[in-house]
């Protein structure tokens, strides 16, 4: 059954979508930055760089979320 949605409710959905987009951008940016940093430090391109970046990103996102 379809419910009547007001414009205010749609605005709330758009705000939630915006927060999700910001979180995705943060995760992608942090992963890329850490991955590139590991490559420059180690002078190698291998799975350890990706593993380090993958392990570091959730910690960074939780820390950033607590600050704002």
Foldseek 3Di string as FASTA:
>chain_A
DDDDDDVVNVVVVVVVVVVVVVLVVQLVVQLVVQLVVVCVVVVDRDVVSNVVSVVVRVVVSVVVVVVD
